[in-house]
C-alpha atoms as a PDB file:
ATOM      1  CA  SER A   1      79.601  14.445  97.746  1.00  0.00           C
ATOM      2  CA  ASP A   2      82.975  15.128  99.331  1.00  0.00           C
ATOM      3  CA  ASP A   3      84.271  16.169  96.004  1.00  0.00           C
ATOM      4  CA  SER A   4      81.324  18.325  95.442  1.00  0.00           C
ATOM      5  CA  GLU A   5      81.695  19.867  98.861  1.00  0.00           C
ATOM      6  CA  ASN A   6      85.347  20.296  98.261  1.00  0.00           C
ATOM      7  CA  GLU A   7      84.696  21.969  95.001  1.00  0.00           C
ATOM      8  CA  GLU A   8      82.071  24.125  96.554  1.00  0.00           C
ATOM      9  CA  HIS A   9      84.401  25.001  99.369  1.00  0.00           C
ATOM     10  CA  HIS A  10      87.159  25.675  96.903  1.00  0.00           C
ATOM     11  CA  GLY A  11      84.799  27.910  94.865  1.00  0.00           C
ATOM     12  CA  ILE A  12      83.843  29.834  97.971  1.00  0.00           C
ATOM     13  CA  GLN A  13      87.483  30.284  98.875  1.00  0.00           C
ATOM     14  CA  LEU A  14      88.178  31.408  95.333  1.00  0.00           C
ATOM     15  CA  ARG A  15      85.331  33.878  95.430  1.00  0.00           C
ATOM     16  CA  MET A  16      86.447  35.102  98.836  1.00  0.00           C
ATOM     17  CA  ALA A  17      89.943  35.541  97.542  1.00  0.00           C
ATOM     18  CA  ARG A  18      88.544  37.536  94.630  1.00  0.00           C
ATOM     19  CA  VAL A  19      86.469  39.651  97.017  1.00  0.00           C
ATOM     20  CA  ASP A  20      89.527  40.159  99.224  1.00  0.00           C
ATOM     21  CA  LEU A  21      91.552  41.081  96.145  1.00  0.00           C
ATOM     22  CA  ALA A  22      88.820  43.498  95.043  1.00  0.00           C
ATOM     23  CA  GLU A  23      88.653  44.962  98.530  1.00  0.00           C
ATOM     24  CA  CYS A  24      92.397  45.341  98.589  1.00  0.00           C
ATOM     25  CA  ALA A  25      92.328  47.001  95.183  1.00  0.00           C
ATOM     26  CA  LEU A  26      89.501  49.288  96.378  1.00  0.00           C
ATOM     27  CA  ILE A  27      91.365  50.151  99.512  1.00  0.00           C
ATOM     28  CA  GLU A  28      94.512  50.800  97.485  1.00  0.00           C
ATOM     29  CA  LEU A  29      92.563  53.000  95.037  1.00  0.00           C
ATOM     30  CA  ASN A  30      90.933  54.850  97.898  1.00  0.00           C
ATOM     31  CA  HIS A  31      94.291  55.358  99.613  1.00  0.00           C
ATOM     32  CA  GLU A  32      95.829  56.546  96.333  1.00  0.00           C
ATOM     33  CA  TYR A  33      92.876  58.929  95.746  1.00  0.00           C
ATOM     34  CA  LEU A  34      93.231  60.341  99.295  1.00  0.00           C
ATOM     35  CA  GLN A  35      96.955  60.820  98.778  1.00  0.00           C
ATOM     36  CA  ASN A  36      96.455  62.581  95.443  1.00  0.00           C
ATOM     37  CA  THR A  37      93.661  64.749  96.903  1.00  0.00           C
ATOM     38  CA  THR A  38      95.777  65.577  99.963  1.00  0.00           C
ATOM     39  CA  GLU A  39      98.713  66.460  97.711  1.00  0.00           C
ATOM     40  CA  GLU A  40      96.465  68.633  95.509  1.00  0.00           C
ATOM     41  CA  VAL A  41      95.069  70.437  98.579  1.00  0.00           C
ATOM     42  CA  ARG A  42      98.566  70.952  99.959  1.00  0.00           C
ATOM     43  CA  SER A  43      99.733  72.265  96.597  1.00  0.00           C
ATOM     44  CA  LYS A  44      96.775  74.675  96.391  1.00  0.00           C
ATOM     45  CA  ILE A  45      97.374  75.784  99.996  1.00  0.00           C
ATOM     46  CA  SER A  46     101.024  76.472  99.147  1.00  0.00           C
ATOM     47  CA  LEU A  47      99.963  78.402  96.065  1.00  0.00           C
ATOM     48  CA  VAL A  48      97.460  80.475  98.048  1.00  0.00           C
ATOM     49  CA  GLU A  49     100.114  81.070 100.790  1.00  0.00           C
ATOM     50  CA  ALA A  50     102.570  82.253  98.129  1.00  0.00           C
ATOM     51  CA  GLU A  51      99.931  84.528  96.608  1.00  0.00           C
ATOM     52  CA  LEU A  52      99.053  85.894 100.059  1.00  0.00           C
ATOM     53  CA  ILE A  53     102.734  86.566 100.814  1.00  0.00           C
ATOM     54  CA  ASP A  54     103.099  88.294  97.414  1.00  0.00           C
ATOM     55  CA  GLU A  55      99.992  90.431  98.056  1.00  0.00           C
ATOM     56  CA  TYR A  56     101.233  91.252 101.565  1.00  0.00           C
ATOM     57  CA  GLU A  57     104.597  92.353 100.152  1.00  0.00           C
ATOM     58  CA  LYS A  58     102.855  94.487  97.514  1.00  0.00           C
ATOM     59  CA  PHE A  59     100.627  96.010 100.198  1.00  0.00           C
ATOM     60  CA  SER A  60     103.604  96.655 102.474  1.00  0.00           C
ATOM     61  CA  SER A  61     105.510  98.233  99.599  1.00  0.00           C
ATOM     62  CA  SER A  62     102.511 100.422  98.786  1.00  0.00           C
ATOM     63  CA  ILE A  63     102.232 101.549 102.408  1.00  0.00           C
ATOM     64  CA  ASP A  64     105.971 102.386 102.414  1.00  0.00           C
ATOM     65  CA  LYS A  65     105.501 104.433  99.213  1.00  0.00           C
ATOM     66  CA  ILE A  66     102.533 106.246 100.756  1.00  0.00           C
ATOM     67  CA  ASP A  67     104.543 107.003 103.888  1.00  0.00           C
ATOM     68  CA  ARG A  68     107.493 108.295 101.875  1.00  0.00           C
ATOM     69  CA  HIS A  69     105.150 110.394  99.729  1.00  0.00           C
ATOM     70  CA  ARG A  70     103.470 111.798 102.827  1.00  0.00           C
ATOM     71  CA  GLU A  71     106.856 112.699 104.357  1.00  0.00           C
ATOM     72  CA  MET A  72     107.974 114.281 101.126  1.00  0.00           C
ATOM     73  CA  GLN A  73     104.684 116.234 100.911  1.00  0.00           C
ATOM     74  CA  GLN A  74     105.095 117.397 104.503  1.00  0.00           C
ATOM     75  CA  GLY A  75     108.628 118.538 103.681  1.00  0.00           C
ATOM     76  CA  VAL A  76     107.369 120.452 100.680  1.00  0.00           C
ATOM     77  CA  GLU A  77     104.554 122.022 102.720  1.00  0.00           C
ATOM     78  CA  LYS A  78     107.079 122.986 105.404  1.00  0.00           C
ATOM     79  CA  LYS A  79     109.299 124.665 102.803  1.00  0.00           C
ATOM     80  CA  ILE A  80     106.303 126.502 101.316  1.00  0.00           C
ATOM     81  CA  ASP A  81     105.182 127.589 104.785  1.00  0.00           C
ATOM     82  CA  LEU A  82     108.717 128.787 105.651  1.00  0.00           C
ATOM     83  CA  HIS A  83     108.958 130.647 102.344  1.00  0.00           C
ATOM     84  CA  TYR A  84     105.561 132.259 102.994  1.00  0.00           C
ATOM     85  CA  LYS A  85     106.598 133.293 106.495  1.00  0.00           C
ATOM     86  CA  ARG A  86     109.863 134.741 105.173  1.00  0.00           C
ATOM     87  CA  THR A  87     107.983 136.642 102.458  1.00  0.00           C
ATOM     88  CA  VAL A  88     105.535 138.031 105.010  1.00  0.00           C
ATOM     89  CA  ALA A  89     108.375 138.954 107.394  1.00  0.00           C
ATOM     90  CA  GLU A  90     110.287 140.644 104.544  1.00  0.00           C
ATOM     91  CA  ALA A  91     107.170 142.592 103.477  1.00  0.00           C
ATOM     92  CA  LEU A  92     106.523 143.608 107.095  1.00  0.00           C
ATOM     93  CA  ASP A  93     110.163 144.670 107.513  1.00  0.00           C
ATOM     94  CA  ASN A  94     109.982 146.715 104.302  1.00  0.00           C
ATOM     95  CA  HIS A  95     106.729 148.309 105.446  1.00  0.00           C
ATOM     96  CA  LEU A  96     108.088 149.148 108.886  1.00  0.00           C
ATOM     97  CA  THR A  97     111.277 150.532 107.316  1.00  0.00           C
ATOM     98  CA  SER A  98     109.195 152.701 105.020  1.00  0.00           C
ATOM     99  CA  ILE A  99     107.101 153.963 107.956  1.00  0.00           C
ATOM    100  CA  GLN A 100     110.290 154.663 109.965  1.00  0.00           C
ATOM    101  CA  ARG A 101     111.798 156.528 107.011  1.00  0.00           C
ATOM    102  CA  ASP A 102     108.600 158.566 106.575  1.00  0.00           C
ATOM    103  CA  LEU A 103     108.544 159.386 110.278  1.00  0.00           C
ATOM    104  CA  GLU A 104     112.234 160.413 110.172  1.00  0.00           C
ATOM    105  CA  GLN A 105     111.571 162.666 107.174  1.00  0.00           C
ATOM    106  CA  LYS A 106     108.561 164.230 108.935  1.00  0.00           C
ATOM    107  CA  SER A 107     110.610 164.677 112.086  1.00  0.00           C
ATOM    108  CA  GLN A 108     113.424 166.346 110.105  1.00  0.00           C
ATOM    109  CA  LEU A 109     110.911 168.609 108.387  1.00  0.00           C
ATOM    110  CA  GLU A 110     109.371 169.499 111.736  1.00  0.00           C
ATOM    111  CA  GLU A 111     112.828 170.175 113.253  1.00  0.00           C
ATOM    112  CA  ARG A 112     113.694 172.372 110.237  1.00  0.00           C
ATOM    113  CA  ARG A 113     110.377 174.220 110.591  1.00  0.00           C
ATOM    114  CA  ILE A 114     110.975 174.745 114.316  1.00  0.00           C
ATOM    115  CA  ARG A 115     114.522 176.034 113.636  1.00  0.00           C
ATOM    116  CA  ASP A 116     113.252 178.272 110.846  1.00  0.00           C
ATOM    117  CA  ASP A 117     110.478 179.612 113.145  1.00  0.00           C
ATOM    118  CA  ALA A 118     113.039 180.147 115.919  1.00  0.00           C
ATOM    119  CA  ALA A 119     115.389 181.929 113.468  1.00  0.00           C
ATOM    120  CA  ARG A 120     112.517 184.159 112.294  1.00  0.00           C
ATOM    121  CA  GLU A 121     111.558 184.930 115.883  1.00  0.00           C
ATOM    122  CA  GLU A 122     115.227 185.651 116.685  1.00  0.00           C
ATOM    123  CA  ALA A 123     115.467 187.924 113.610  1.00  0.00           C
ATOM    124  CA  LYS A 124     112.292 189.750 114.653  1.00  0.00           C
ATOM    125  CA  ARG A 125     113.583 190.121 118.197  1.00  0.00           C
ATOM    126  CA  ARG A 126     116.919 191.536 116.940  1.00  0.00           C
ATOM    127  CA  GLU A 127     115.087 193.827 114.564  1.00  0.00           C
ATOM    128  CA  ARG A 128     112.934 195.129 117.449  1.00  0.00           C
ATOM    129  CA  ALA A 129     116.003 195.442 119.621  1.00  0.00           C
ATOM    130  CA  LEU A 130     117.776 197.381 116.882  1.00  0.00           C
ATOM    131  CA  LEU A 131     114.689 199.510 116.341  1.00  0.00           C
ATOM    132  CA  GLU A 132     114.357 200.161 120.082  1.00  0.00           C
ATOM    133  CA  GLU A 133     118.107 200.966 120.217  1.00  0.00           C
ATOM    134  CA  LYS A 134     117.703 203.307 117.261  1.00  0.00           C
ATOM    135  CA  MET A 135     114.679 204.993 118.863  1.00  0.00           C
ATOM    136  CA  LEU A 136     116.563 205.291 122.140  1.00  0.00           C
ATOM    137  CA  GLN A 137     119.558 206.873 120.331  1.00  0.00           C
ATOM    138  CA  GLU A 138     117.233 209.283 118.521  1.00  0.00           C
ATOM    139  CA  ARG A 139     115.523 210.238 121.807  1.00  0.00           C
ATOM    140  CA  ILE A 140     118.874 210.738 123.500  1.00  0.00           C
ATOM    141  CA  LYS A 141     120.023 212.839 120.534  1.00  0.00           C
ATOM    142  CA  ALA A 142     116.793 214.808 120.599  1.00  0.00           C
ATOM    143  CA  GLU A 143     117.149 215.425 124.342  1.00  0.00           C
ATOM    144  CA  GLU A 144     120.736 216.572 123.894  1.00  0.00           C
ATOM    145  CA  GLU A 145     119.629 219.000 121.233  1.00  0.00           C
ATOM    146  CA  VAL A 146     117.061 220.475 123.476  1.00  0.00           C
END
């Protein structure tokens, strides 16, 4: 019976050793699985982070391009506006110069008309004066003859 108990005890120990070995193997497999999963997750996180950084850089580059385009467009609009203002100012200057020239011509014509009228009036006055002088001379001559 001692032998039988010994054998039984030995069998139990052997089974327990097998269970312990199986548990150790299971723990080892579980640990390995967790390590692999953790490494996979870390790898995927790194990949996603790299993609996010790449997308951020693309976005930032696009924003910079948009800003440069906006600044360029504002510069073009400023040049167009300045050109338009210059064109309007030049047209206004030409118009005012034309009006001034027309007014000067009208003024010169009016001055000439006034001088011509004054010269005609002066000629008429002289003619009357000569006529009056002639009539006076004729009256004096007629009185002397009488």
